[in-house]
Protein backbone atom coordinates (compact mmCIF):
# COMPACT_ATOMS: atom_id res chain seq x y z
CA MET A 1 -0.06 -0.03 -0.04
CA LYS A 2 1.33 3.46 -0.87
CA GLN A 3 2.23 5.85 1.79
CA TYR A 4 1.19 9.51 2.22
CA ILE A 5 3.88 11.67 3.94
CA ILE A 6 3.68 14.80 6.05
CA SER A 7 6.75 16.61 7.31
CA GLU A 8 6.39 18.62 10.46
CA ASP A 9 7.15 22.28 10.39
CA LEU A 10 4.21 24.33 11.47
CA LYS A 11 5.07 25.27 15.07
CA PHE A 12 8.71 26.29 13.98
CA LEU A 13 7.41 28.68 11.26
CA MET A 14 4.66 30.25 13.35
CA ASP A 15 7.07 30.73 16.27
CA LYS A 16 9.62 32.55 13.99
CA TRP A 17 6.79 34.74 12.50
CA ALA A 18 5.21 35.68 15.74
CA LYS A 19 8.51 36.77 17.32
CA GLU A 20 9.19 38.97 14.23
CA ASN A 21 5.71 40.55 14.19
CA GLY A 22 4.62 40.99 17.78
CA PHE A 23 2.22 38.15 18.12
CA LYS A 24 1.86 35.27 20.50
CA ILE A 25 1.27 31.60 19.50
CA PRO A 26 -0.04 28.70 21.44
CA GLU A 27 2.00 26.26 23.48
CA ALA A 28 3.21 22.92 21.88
CA GLU A 29 0.15 20.96 23.14
CA PHE A 30 -2.10 23.12 20.83
CA PHE A 31 -0.11 22.31 17.86
CA HIS A 32 -0.11 18.58 18.80
CA ARG A 33 -3.87 18.66 18.84
CA LEU A 34 -4.13 20.29 15.45
CA GLN A 35 -1.63 17.82 14.17
CA ASN A 36 -3.59 14.82 15.58
CA LYS A 37 -6.82 16.27 13.86
CA LEU A 38 -5.05 16.52 10.53
CA MET A 39 -3.41 13.10 10.70
CA GLN A 40 -6.79 11.47 11.69
CA TYR A 41 -8.69 13.18 8.96
CA MET A 42 -6.08 12.46 6.32
CA GLY A 43 -5.86 8.75 7.64
CA GLU A 44 -9.44 8.43 6.58
CA ILE A 45 -8.59 9.11 3.07
CA PHE A 46 -5.18 7.61 3.02
CA PRO A 47 -4.78 4.60 5.31
CA LYS A 48 -1.04 4.57 5.30
CA MET A 49 0.07 7.82 6.79
CA GLU A 50 3.67 8.93 7.89
CA LEU A 51 4.56 11.94 10.00
CA LEU A 52 8.18 12.95 9.85
CA SER A 53 9.23 14.97 12.80
CA LEU A 54 11.07 18.28 12.61
CA ASN A 55 13.73 16.86 14.88
CA THR A 56 14.42 13.80 12.81
CA LEU A 57 14.91 15.78 9.57
CA SER A 58 16.88 18.67 11.17
CA SER A 59 19.15 16.61 13.21
CA GLY A 60 19.78 14.22 10.29
CA LEU A 61 20.64 17.03 8.09
CA ARG A 62 22.91 18.73 10.68
CA GLU A 63 24.79 15.39 11.09
CA ARG A 64 25.43 14.97 7.38
CA VAL A 65 26.30 18.69 6.85
CA ALA A 66 28.82 18.55 9.73
CA ALA A 67 30.66 15.74 7.99
CA VAL A 68 31.28 17.91 4.95
CA GLN A 69 35.06 18.80 4.91
CA ASP A 70 35.65 20.59 1.77
CA GLY A 71 34.11 23.55 0.10
CA ILE A 72 30.99 25.43 1.04
CA VAL A 73 27.43 24.53 2.01
CA VAL A 74 24.54 26.12 0.19
CA SER A 75 21.07 25.52 1.57
CA ILE A 76 17.78 25.70 -0.47
CA ASP A 77 15.81 24.87 2.73
CA GLN A 78 14.80 27.58 5.25
CA ILE A 79 13.63 25.22 8.04
CA TYR A 80 15.62 22.10 8.62
CA ASN A 81 19.06 23.39 7.92
CA ASN A 82 20.94 26.61 8.60
CA SER A 83 23.96 27.30 6.45
CA ASP A 84 26.04 30.45 5.86
CA TYR A 85 24.86 30.48 2.17
CA HIS A 86 21.23 30.33 1.02
CA LEU A 87 19.29 30.30 -2.27
CA GLU A 88 15.80 31.84 -1.77
CA SER A 89 14.20 29.56 -4.32
CA ASN A 90 10.79 28.02 -4.93
CA ARG A 91 8.68 26.32 -7.56
CA ILE A 92 6.27 28.83 -9.28
CA SER A 93 2.82 27.88 -10.21
CA ASP A 94 0.58 29.56 -12.77
CA LEU A 95 -1.79 31.86 -11.13
CA ASN A 96 -4.93 30.35 -12.82
CA THR A 97 -4.17 26.78 -13.37
CA MET A 98 -1.82 26.03 -10.49
CA GLU A 99 0.45 24.19 -12.92
CA ILE A 100 4.16 24.32 -11.99
CA ILE A 101 5.77 26.59 -14.62
CA GLY A 102 9.39 26.45 -13.42
CA GLU A 103 11.81 27.73 -10.64
CA ALA A 104 12.44 31.27 -9.50
CA GLN A 105 13.34 33.43 -6.53
CA ARG A 106 11.00 33.88 -3.54
CA PRO A 107 8.96 37.11 -3.82
CA GLY A 108 11.10 40.04 -2.67
CA HIS A 109 14.57 38.53 -3.39
CA PRO A 110 16.98 38.95 -6.21
CA SER A 111 16.64 36.62 -9.22
CA LEU A 112 18.07 33.11 -8.89
CA LEU A 113 20.80 33.89 -11.40
CA ASP A 114 21.94 37.03 -9.21
CA GLN A 115 21.81 34.85 -6.11
CA VAL A 116 23.91 32.03 -7.64
CA SER A 117 26.33 34.50 -9.12
CA SER A 118 27.03 36.06 -5.65
CA LEU A 119 28.28 32.70 -4.15
CA PRO A 120 32.00 32.25 -3.70
CA LYS A 121 33.75 30.60 -6.52
CA GLY A 122 36.61 28.11 -6.56
CA LYS A 123 35.41 25.73 -3.94
CA PRO A 124 33.19 22.68 -4.33
CA ILE A 125 29.59 23.17 -3.21
CA THR A 126 27.39 20.85 -1.11
CA LEU A 127 23.71 21.66 -1.88
CA VAL A 128 21.16 21.05 0.95
CA ASP A 129 17.46 20.91 0.66
CA ASP A 130 14.55 19.49 2.63
CA GLY A 131 13.61 16.86 0.15
CA CYS A 132 13.69 15.66 -3.44
CA PHE A 133 10.24 14.18 -4.86
CA SER A 134 10.36 14.28 -8.71
CA GLY A 135 13.92 15.65 -8.84
CA ASP A 136 12.86 18.51 -11.08
CA THR A 137 13.87 21.37 -8.55
CA LEU A 138 17.31 19.87 -7.93
CA PHE A 139 17.79 19.39 -11.72
CA ARG A 140 17.03 22.99 -12.47
CA ILE A 141 19.11 24.42 -9.54
CA TYR A 142 22.10 22.21 -10.49
CA GLN A 143 22.13 23.15 -14.13
CA LEU A 144 21.93 26.87 -13.22
CA MET A 145 24.84 26.50 -10.83
CA THR A 146 27.00 24.39 -13.24
CA ASP A 147 26.18 26.76 -16.13
CA GLN A 148 27.67 29.50 -13.98
CA GLY A 149 30.87 27.69 -13.43
CA TYR A 150 30.32 26.18 -10.00
CA GLU A 151 31.13 22.63 -8.98
CA VAL A 152 28.37 20.88 -7.08
CA ASP A 153 29.93 17.58 -5.82
CA LYS A 154 27.28 16.52 -3.29
CA ILE A 155 23.70 17.07 -2.49
CA ILE A 156 22.11 16.34 0.86
CA VAL A 157 18.36 16.22 1.30
CA GLY A 158 16.04 15.33 4.22
CA ILE A 159 13.70 13.17 2.17
CA ILE A 160 14.04 11.33 -1.26
CA ILE A 161 11.16 9.65 -2.91
CA ASP A 162 11.51 6.84 -5.38
CA ARG A 163 15.15 7.28 -6.24
CA SER A 164 15.01 4.92 -9.24
CA ASP A 165 12.40 7.13 -10.78
CA ASN A 166 13.99 10.43 -9.87
CA ARG A 167 14.83 12.90 -12.69
CA PHE A 168 17.95 14.23 -11.06
CA VAL A 169 19.33 10.82 -10.25
CA ARG A 170 18.61 9.76 -13.92
CA GLU A 171 20.35 12.79 -15.47
CA TYR A 172 23.27 13.09 -13.01
CA PRO A 173 24.00 9.57 -11.58
CA GLU A 174 27.56 10.62 -10.84
CA VAL A 175 26.59 13.23 -8.30
CA ILE A 176 26.46 12.02 -4.72
CA LEU A 177 22.95 12.36 -3.33
CA GLU A 178 22.50 11.67 0.37
CA SER A 179 19.26 11.50 2.35
CA VAL A 180 18.06 11.35 5.95
CA SER A 181 15.04 9.30 4.98
CA GLU A 182 13.97 7.42 1.69
CA PHE A 183 10.54 6.17 0.59
CA ASN A 184 9.18 4.33 -2.30
CA ASP A 185 5.66 3.81 -3.49
CA VAL A 186 4.48 7.28 -2.24
CA ILE A 187 1.07 8.94 -3.05
CA ASP A 188 2.35 12.29 -2.02
CA TRP A 189 4.71 14.26 0.32
CA VAL A 190 3.34 17.46 1.70
CA CYS A 191 4.73 19.74 4.24
CA GLU A 192 2.62 20.31 7.40
CA ARG A 193 2.47 24.14 6.72
CA ASP A 194 0.68 23.52 3.45
CA PHE A 195 -2.48 22.51 5.24
CA TYR A 196 -2.70 25.90 6.96
CA ILE A 197 -3.73 28.90 4.96
CA GLY A 198 -1.71 31.99 5.41
CA VAL A 199 1.14 30.41 7.26
CA PRO A 200 4.74 31.32 6.26
CA LEU A 201 5.93 29.41 3.18
CA SER A 202 2.53 27.60 2.91
CA GLY A 203 0.96 26.73 -0.50
CA ARG A 204 2.42 27.19 -3.95
CA THR A 205 3.84 30.57 -5.02
CA ALA A 206 1.87 32.12 -7.90
CA GLY A 207 3.73 33.56 -10.87
CA THR A 208 4.05 34.18 -14.56
CA LYS A 209 6.12 32.91 -17.38
CA GLU A 210 6.90 35.23 -20.31
CA ASP A 211 9.52 34.49 -22.94
CA ASP A 212 10.82 31.53 -21.03
CA ILE A 213 11.42 33.73 -17.87
CA VAL A 214 9.63 32.76 -14.75
CA ARG A 215 8.78 35.28 -12.17
CA PRO A 216 6.70 35.31 -8.84
CA CYS A 217 3.92 37.62 -8.49
CA ASP A 218 4.85 40.84 -6.66
CA PRO A 219 3.50 41.21 -4.02
CA GLY A 220 3.64 37.49 -3.37
CA ILE A 221 0.36 35.49 -3.86
CA SER A 222 -0.05 32.05 -2.29
CA LEU A 223 -2.09 29.25 -3.80
CA PRO A 224 -3.13 27.13 -0.90
CA TYR A 225 -3.94 23.40 -1.39
CA CYS A 226 -7.67 23.89 -0.99
CA LEU A 227 -10.77 25.45 -2.65
CA PRO A 228 -11.47 28.21 -3.56
CA PHE A 229 -7.91 29.47 -3.62
CA GLY A 230 -6.08 26.52 -5.21
CA ASP A 231 -6.55 22.95 -6.34
CA PRO A 232 -6.47 20.22 -3.59
CA ILE A 233 -6.24 17.50 -6.27
CA LYS A 234 -3.09 18.96 -7.83
CA GLY A 235 -1.70 20.31 -4.70
CA ALA A 236 -2.16 17.53 -2.24
CA SER A 237 -3.54 14.53 -4.39
CA ILE A 238 -7.03 14.62 -2.64
CA PRO A 239 -9.58 12.54 -4.48
CA THR A 240 -11.99 14.60 -6.58
CA ASP A 241 -15.07 13.48 -4.57
CA LYS A 242 -13.34 14.66 -1.33
CA ALA A 243 -12.13 18.03 -2.66
CA VAL A 244 -14.94 20.27 -1.19
CA GLU A 245 -15.02 18.41 2.20
CA PHE A 246 -11.30 18.62 2.40
CA SER A 247 -11.20 22.26 1.69
CA ARG A 248 -13.76 22.97 4.28
CA PHE A 249 -11.66 20.99 6.88
CA ILE A 250 -8.41 22.80 5.97
CA ILE A 251 -10.11 26.25 6.24
CA GLY A 252 -11.54 25.11 9.64
CA LEU A 253 -8.01 24.14 10.86
CA SER A 254 -6.48 27.38 9.68
CA CYS A 255 -9.40 29.37 11.31
CA GLU A 256 -8.73 27.42 14.65
CA LEU A 257 -5.03 28.34 14.51
CA TRP A 258 -5.39 32.13 13.58
CA GLU A 259 -8.19 32.55 16.09
CA GLU A 260 -6.10 31.24 18.86
CA VAL A 261 -3.20 33.54 17.87
CA GLU A 262 -5.77 36.55 18.10
CA HIS A 263 -6.94 35.26 21.46
CA LEU A 264 -3.37 34.98 22.91
CA SER A 265 -2.12 38.07 21.30
CA SER A 266 -5.20 40.24 22.36
CA LYS A 267 -5.39 41.82 18.96
CA THR A 268 -6.70 41.06 15.63
CA VAL A 269 -4.70 39.18 13.06
CA THR A 270 -5.61 41.33 9.96
CA CYS A 271 -5.13 40.32 6.30
CA GLU A 272 -2.24 42.87 6.26
CA ASP A 273 -0.48 40.67 8.89
CA ILE A 274 -0.65 37.45 6.96
CA PRO A 275 2.75 36.37 5.48
CA ARG A 276 1.24 34.26 2.69
CA LEU A 277 -2.00 35.86 1.69
CA PRO A 278 -3.90 33.61 -0.62
CA LYS A 279 -5.31 34.47 -4.04
CA GLY A 280 -8.35 36.41 -3.86
CA ILE A 281 -8.15 38.03 -0.42
CA ASP A 282 -7.33 41.70 -0.31
CA ARG A 283 -4.42 42.82 2.05
CA ASP A 284 -6.52 45.02 4.33
CA LYS A 285 -7.42 45.46 7.99
CA ARG A 286 -10.21 42.72 8.20
CA SER A 287 -9.69 39.90 10.55
CA PHE A 288 -8.13 37.01 8.64
CA PRO A 289 -9.80 34.19 10.51
CA GLY A 290 -13.06 36.01 10.11
CA VAL A 291 -12.58 36.25 6.33
CA LEU A 292 -11.69 32.56 6.20
CA SER A 293 -14.73 31.58 8.14
CA GLY A 294 -17.01 33.35 5.75
CA ILE A 295 -15.26 31.62 2.76
CA ARG A 296 -15.86 28.25 4.44
CA ASP A 297 -19.45 28.97 4.93
CA ARG A 298 -19.90 29.60 1.27
CA LEU A 299 -18.22 26.58 -0.01
């Protein structure tokens, strides 16, 4: 039976956002309860669920990065690994179809070419990312770096899915690709944050492609993995007949999280405060959980 994998990261991201923006977030027990609700609901759709803890992935990556003796470490990941050099990169999806159209910088950052060109030259590079599913992202980043004259001699990832069917492995079998965890026969791998609307880094990043140049929308627009903002079938492999029910569930979980932040912070979490505002919601002073609640009622 194929597995459905979720990697833990919600509390880490919310904690960082709250400290930087003057909000308070719940204690760990609250996040555990949300997590249990999510796993129980998803388990009714996908009987074989796997939750990968933040500690497992981050400690595994740290151990492997510490063993790197030569060159520099460049991280694409913002959560599980902290390196001196980072690439602010993400997959970009079409604003209307949610189809992936390429790789580009995160909104508000220099182009990927400029970021890569600013890295020190003359030393071998170890590239680090949270995971490798299809291999398309690593393939594009690796090509960009080697085209600019960089030597990438090792890649370390937290998760790799179906190594034998991975595009990067097929194209560059000579490059060392280490992982903390490996899985085969996987339905999907989704980060925990992607089940919560508005959370930092959640959902796909909307953008455009013109003359083969991919750019994120500016200001950034998120495409959550639920209706009416995005496509739960493409985003999270949800069966078609479960799409509306799943979307209501995800919006409800998101409301529960943001309402608790409002309560603990003794102030409104406005749409202006949200780090990943979804498609179709204006950046204004309305209560974000209030807006979400109204949208759920209309689904």
